[in-house]
Amino acid sequence: MRIVVIGGTGLIGSKLVSILRQRGHEVLAASPDSGVNTITGEGLAEALAGAQVVVDVANSPSFEDAAVLKFFETSGRNLLAAETAAGV
């Protein structure tokens, strides 16, 4: 199964990616470092092409309430639109 892990290079995401790969899945660890940015939408379409599952374990870079809310609203909206377009 092809699985995209948003936040796949972070603390939790990297552990999840490792476990999924050990279980035989094809996994893409998606993050800004790998060219996938859920805030700008950069790389989302390419990352989700052919994916059957998307797991989002991304975290906000800020702890300030308004910034956290804006991060998750924007990220979630962009990710949902890209998933819909990719048929995930």
N, C-alpha and C. Protein backbone atom coordinates (compact mmCIF):
# COMPACT_ATOMS: atom_id res chain seq x y z
N MET A 1 0.84 -1.17 0.00
CA MET A 1 0.00 0.00 0.00
C MET A 1 0.89 1.24 0.00
N ARG A 2 0.51 2.25 -0.79
CA ARG A 2 1.27 3.51 -0.82
C ARG A 2 0.66 4.47 0.19
N ILE A 3 1.48 4.86 1.16
CA ILE A 3 1.04 5.72 2.25
C ILE A 3 1.90 6.97 2.29
N VAL A 4 1.26 8.12 2.40
CA VAL A 4 1.96 9.39 2.56
C VAL A 4 1.79 9.83 4.01
N VAL A 5 2.90 10.10 4.68
CA VAL A 5 2.86 10.58 6.06
C VAL A 5 3.26 12.04 6.06
N ILE A 6 2.27 12.91 6.27
CA ILE A 6 2.52 14.34 6.38
C ILE A 6 3.16 14.58 7.75
N GLY A 7 4.31 15.22 7.76
CA GLY A 7 5.07 15.35 9.00
C GLY A 7 5.94 14.12 9.23
N GLY A 8 6.23 13.42 8.15
CA GLY A 8 6.94 12.14 8.23
C GLY A 8 8.40 12.20 8.59
N THR A 9 8.95 13.39 8.72
CA THR A 9 10.35 13.50 9.15
C THR A 9 10.49 13.98 10.58
N GLY A 10 9.36 14.24 11.23
CA GLY A 10 9.37 14.73 12.61
C GLY A 10 9.53 13.61 13.62
N LEU A 11 9.40 13.96 14.87
CA LEU A 11 9.60 13.02 15.97
C LEU A 11 8.66 11.82 15.88
N ILE A 12 7.38 12.06 15.79
CA ILE A 12 6.41 10.97 15.69
C ILE A 12 6.36 10.40 14.28
N GLY A 13 6.36 11.29 13.28
CA GLY A 13 6.26 10.86 11.90
C GLY A 13 7.37 9.92 11.47
N SER A 14 8.60 10.19 11.87
CA SER A 14 9.72 9.33 11.48
C SER A 14 9.58 7.94 12.08
N LYS A 15 9.05 7.84 13.28
CA LYS A 15 8.81 6.53 13.89
C LYS A 15 7.71 5.78 13.15
N LEU A 16 6.65 6.49 12.79
CA LEU A 16 5.55 5.89 12.04
C LEU A 16 6.03 5.40 10.68
N VAL A 17 6.80 6.22 9.98
CA VAL A 17 7.34 5.85 8.67
C VAL A 17 8.16 4.57 8.78
N SER A 18 8.99 4.49 9.79
CA SER A 18 9.83 3.30 9.99
C SER A 18 8.98 2.05 10.21
N ILE A 19 7.97 2.16 11.06
CA ILE A 19 7.10 1.01 11.34
C ILE A 19 6.35 0.58 10.08
N LEU A 20 5.81 1.53 9.34
CA LEU A 20 5.07 1.20 8.12
C LEU A 20 5.96 0.54 7.09
N ARG A 21 7.18 1.02 6.94
CA ARG A 21 8.12 0.40 6.00
C ARG A 21 8.48 -1.02 6.43
N GLN A 22 8.67 -1.22 7.73
CA GLN A 22 8.97 -2.56 8.24
C GLN A 22 7.84 -3.53 7.93
N ARG A 23 6.63 -3.03 7.84
CA ARG A 23 5.46 -3.86 7.55
C ARG A 23 5.20 -3.99 6.05
N GLY A 24 6.14 -3.49 5.24
CA GLY A 24 6.09 -3.71 3.81
C GLY A 24 5.36 -2.67 2.98
N HIS A 25 5.01 -1.54 3.58
CA HIS A 25 4.31 -0.51 2.83
C HIS A 25 5.30 0.41 2.12
N GLU A 26 4.85 0.96 1.01
CA GLU A 26 5.60 2.00 0.31
C GLU A 26 5.20 3.32 0.96
N VAL A 27 6.16 3.99 1.58
CA VAL A 27 5.84 5.17 2.39
C VAL A 27 6.63 6.38 1.92
N LEU A 28 5.95 7.50 1.80
CA LEU A 28 6.60 8.77 1.52
C LEU A 28 6.53 9.62 2.78
N ALA A 29 7.69 9.97 3.31
CA ALA A 29 7.78 10.87 4.46
C ALA A 29 7.73 12.30 3.93
N ALA A 30 6.55 12.91 3.99
CA ALA A 30 6.34 14.23 3.40
C ALA A 30 6.51 15.33 4.44
N SER A 31 7.32 16.32 4.08
CA SER A 31 7.56 17.47 4.96
C SER A 31 8.15 18.59 4.11
N PRO A 32 8.23 19.79 4.65
CA PRO A 32 8.87 20.85 3.89
C PRO A 32 10.31 20.49 3.49
N ASP A 33 11.01 19.72 4.32
CA ASP A 33 12.37 19.29 3.99
C ASP A 33 12.41 18.40 2.76
N SER A 34 11.30 17.68 2.50
CA SER A 34 11.26 16.79 1.33
C SER A 34 10.51 17.43 0.16
N GLY A 35 10.20 18.74 0.30
CA GLY A 35 9.55 19.46 -0.80
C GLY A 35 8.04 19.45 -0.76
N VAL A 36 7.46 19.02 0.37
CA VAL A 36 6.00 18.99 0.49
C VAL A 36 5.60 19.95 1.61
N ASN A 37 4.84 20.99 1.25
CA ASN A 37 4.47 22.01 2.21
C ASN A 37 2.95 22.17 2.21
N THR A 38 2.31 21.76 3.29
CA THR A 38 0.85 21.84 3.35
C THR A 38 0.34 23.26 3.53
N ILE A 39 1.20 24.18 3.94
CA ILE A 39 0.77 25.58 4.09
C ILE A 39 0.72 26.27 2.73
N THR A 40 1.74 26.09 1.92
CA THR A 40 1.78 26.72 0.60
C THR A 40 1.15 25.84 -0.48
N GLY A 41 1.05 24.55 -0.21
CA GLY A 41 0.54 23.59 -1.20
C GLY A 41 1.64 23.03 -2.08
N GLU A 42 2.86 23.55 -1.93
CA GLU A 42 3.98 23.10 -2.76
C GLU A 42 4.21 21.60 -2.59
N GLY A 43 4.26 20.88 -3.71
CA GLY A 43 4.58 19.46 -3.72
C GLY A 43 3.47 18.52 -3.32
N LEU A 44 2.32 19.04 -2.90
CA LEU A 44 1.24 18.17 -2.45
C LEU A 44 0.69 17.27 -3.55
N ALA A 45 0.41 17.83 -4.70
CA ALA A 45 -0.16 17.04 -5.79
C ALA A 45 0.76 15.89 -6.17
N GLU A 46 2.03 16.17 -6.28
CA GLU A 46 3.00 15.14 -6.65
C GLU A 46 3.12 14.08 -5.55
N ALA A 47 3.13 14.50 -4.31
CA ALA A 47 3.27 13.56 -3.19
C ALA A 47 2.08 12.63 -3.08
N LEU A 48 0.88 13.13 -3.36
CA LEU A 48 -0.33 12.34 -3.18
C LEU A 48 -0.70 11.51 -4.39
N ALA A 49 -0.04 11.72 -5.51
CA ALA A 49 -0.35 10.94 -6.72
C ALA A 49 -0.12 9.46 -6.44
N GLY A 50 -1.17 8.68 -6.61
CA GLY A 50 -1.08 7.23 -6.42
C GLY A 50 -1.17 6.76 -4.98
N ALA A 51 -1.35 7.69 -4.05
CA ALA A 51 -1.45 7.30 -2.64
C ALA A 51 -2.82 6.69 -2.36
N GLN A 52 -2.82 5.72 -1.47
CA GLN A 52 -4.07 5.12 -1.03
C GLN A 52 -4.47 5.61 0.36
N VAL A 53 -3.47 6.05 1.13
CA VAL A 53 -3.72 6.51 2.50
C VAL A 53 -2.84 7.72 2.77
N VAL A 54 -3.39 8.68 3.51
CA VAL A 54 -2.62 9.83 3.98
C VAL A 54 -2.79 9.90 5.50
N VAL A 55 -1.67 9.99 6.19
CA VAL A 55 -1.69 10.16 7.65
C VAL A 55 -1.03 11.51 7.94
N ASP A 56 -1.72 12.34 8.71
CA ASP A 56 -1.20 13.67 9.02
C ASP A 56 -0.78 13.72 10.49
N VAL A 57 0.53 13.79 10.71
CA VAL A 57 1.07 13.95 12.06
C VAL A 57 1.91 15.23 12.15
N ALA A 58 1.61 16.18 11.27
CA ALA A 58 2.32 17.45 11.27
C ALA A 58 2.02 18.23 12.54
N ASN A 59 2.93 19.11 12.88
CA ASN A 59 2.75 19.94 14.06
C ASN A 59 3.05 21.40 13.70
N SER A 60 2.39 22.28 14.36
CA SER A 60 2.59 23.70 14.13
C SER A 60 3.99 24.13 14.59
N PRO A 61 4.62 25.02 13.83
CA PRO A 61 5.94 25.51 14.25
C PRO A 61 5.85 26.53 15.38
N SER A 62 4.64 26.92 15.75
CA SER A 62 4.45 27.92 16.81
C SER A 62 3.56 27.34 17.90
N PHE A 63 3.67 27.89 19.10
CA PHE A 63 2.80 27.48 20.19
C PHE A 63 1.78 28.56 20.55
N GLU A 64 1.83 29.67 19.83
CA GLU A 64 0.90 30.78 20.07
C GLU A 64 -0.48 30.38 19.52
N ASP A 65 -1.52 30.55 20.30
CA ASP A 65 -2.86 30.05 19.96
C ASP A 65 -3.33 30.41 18.55
N ALA A 66 -3.27 31.68 18.20
CA ALA A 66 -3.77 32.11 16.89
C ALA A 66 -2.94 31.51 15.76
N ALA A 67 -1.64 31.44 15.95
CA ALA A 67 -0.76 30.87 14.92
C ALA A 67 -1.01 29.37 14.75
N VAL A 68 -1.23 28.68 15.84
CA VAL A 68 -1.53 27.25 15.78
C VAL A 68 -2.83 27.02 15.04
N LEU A 69 -3.85 27.78 15.38
CA LEU A 69 -5.15 27.65 14.71
C LEU A 69 -5.02 27.92 13.22
N LYS A 70 -4.31 28.98 12.87
CA LYS A 70 -4.12 29.31 11.45
C LYS A 70 -3.36 28.20 10.73
N PHE A 71 -2.33 27.64 11.37
CA PHE A 71 -1.56 26.55 10.77
C PHE A 71 -2.46 25.37 10.44
N PHE A 72 -3.22 24.90 11.43
CA PHE A 72 -4.03 23.70 11.21
C PHE A 72 -5.21 23.96 10.27
N GLU A 73 -5.78 25.14 10.31
CA GLU A 73 -6.86 25.47 9.36
C GLU A 73 -6.34 25.48 7.93
N THR A 74 -5.23 26.16 7.71
CA THR A 74 -4.65 26.27 6.37
C THR A 74 -4.14 24.92 5.88
N SER A 75 -3.39 24.24 6.71
CA SER A 75 -2.84 22.95 6.35
C SER A 75 -3.95 21.94 6.05
N GLY A 76 -4.94 21.89 6.92
CA GLY A 76 -6.05 20.95 6.73
C GLY A 76 -6.83 21.24 5.46
N ARG A 77 -7.09 22.49 5.18
CA ARG A 77 -7.83 22.88 3.97
C ARG A 77 -7.04 22.50 2.71
N ASN A 78 -5.74 22.81 2.70
CA ASN A 78 -4.91 22.49 1.54
C ASN A 78 -4.76 20.98 1.35
N LEU A 79 -4.59 20.27 2.45
CA LEU A 79 -4.41 18.83 2.37
C LEU A 79 -5.70 18.16 1.88
N LEU A 80 -6.83 18.57 2.41
CA LEU A 80 -8.11 17.99 1.98
C LEU A 80 -8.34 18.24 0.49
N ALA A 81 -8.06 19.43 0.02
CA ALA A 81 -8.24 19.75 -1.41
C ALA A 81 -7.33 18.89 -2.27
N ALA A 82 -6.08 18.72 -1.85
CA ALA A 82 -5.13 17.91 -2.62
C ALA A 82 -5.52 16.44 -2.59
N GLU A 83 -6.01 15.96 -1.45
CA GLU A 83 -6.45 14.56 -1.36
C GLU A 83 -7.65 14.32 -2.27
N THR A 84 -8.58 15.26 -2.27
CA THR A 84 -9.76 15.13 -3.13
C THR A 84 -9.35 15.10 -4.59
N ALA A 85 -8.46 16.00 -4.98
CA ALA A 85 -8.00 16.06 -6.37
C ALA A 85 -7.26 14.77 -6.77
N ALA A 86 -6.54 14.18 -5.81
CA ALA A 86 -5.76 12.96 -6.10
C ALA A 86 -6.60 11.69 -5.97
N GLY A 87 -7.82 11.83 -5.45
CA GLY A 87 -8.67 10.66 -5.27
C GLY A 87 -8.27 9.77 -4.10
N VAL A 88 -7.67 10.38 -3.10
CA VAL A 88 -7.25 9.61 -1.92
C VAL A 88 -8.44 9.49 -0.98
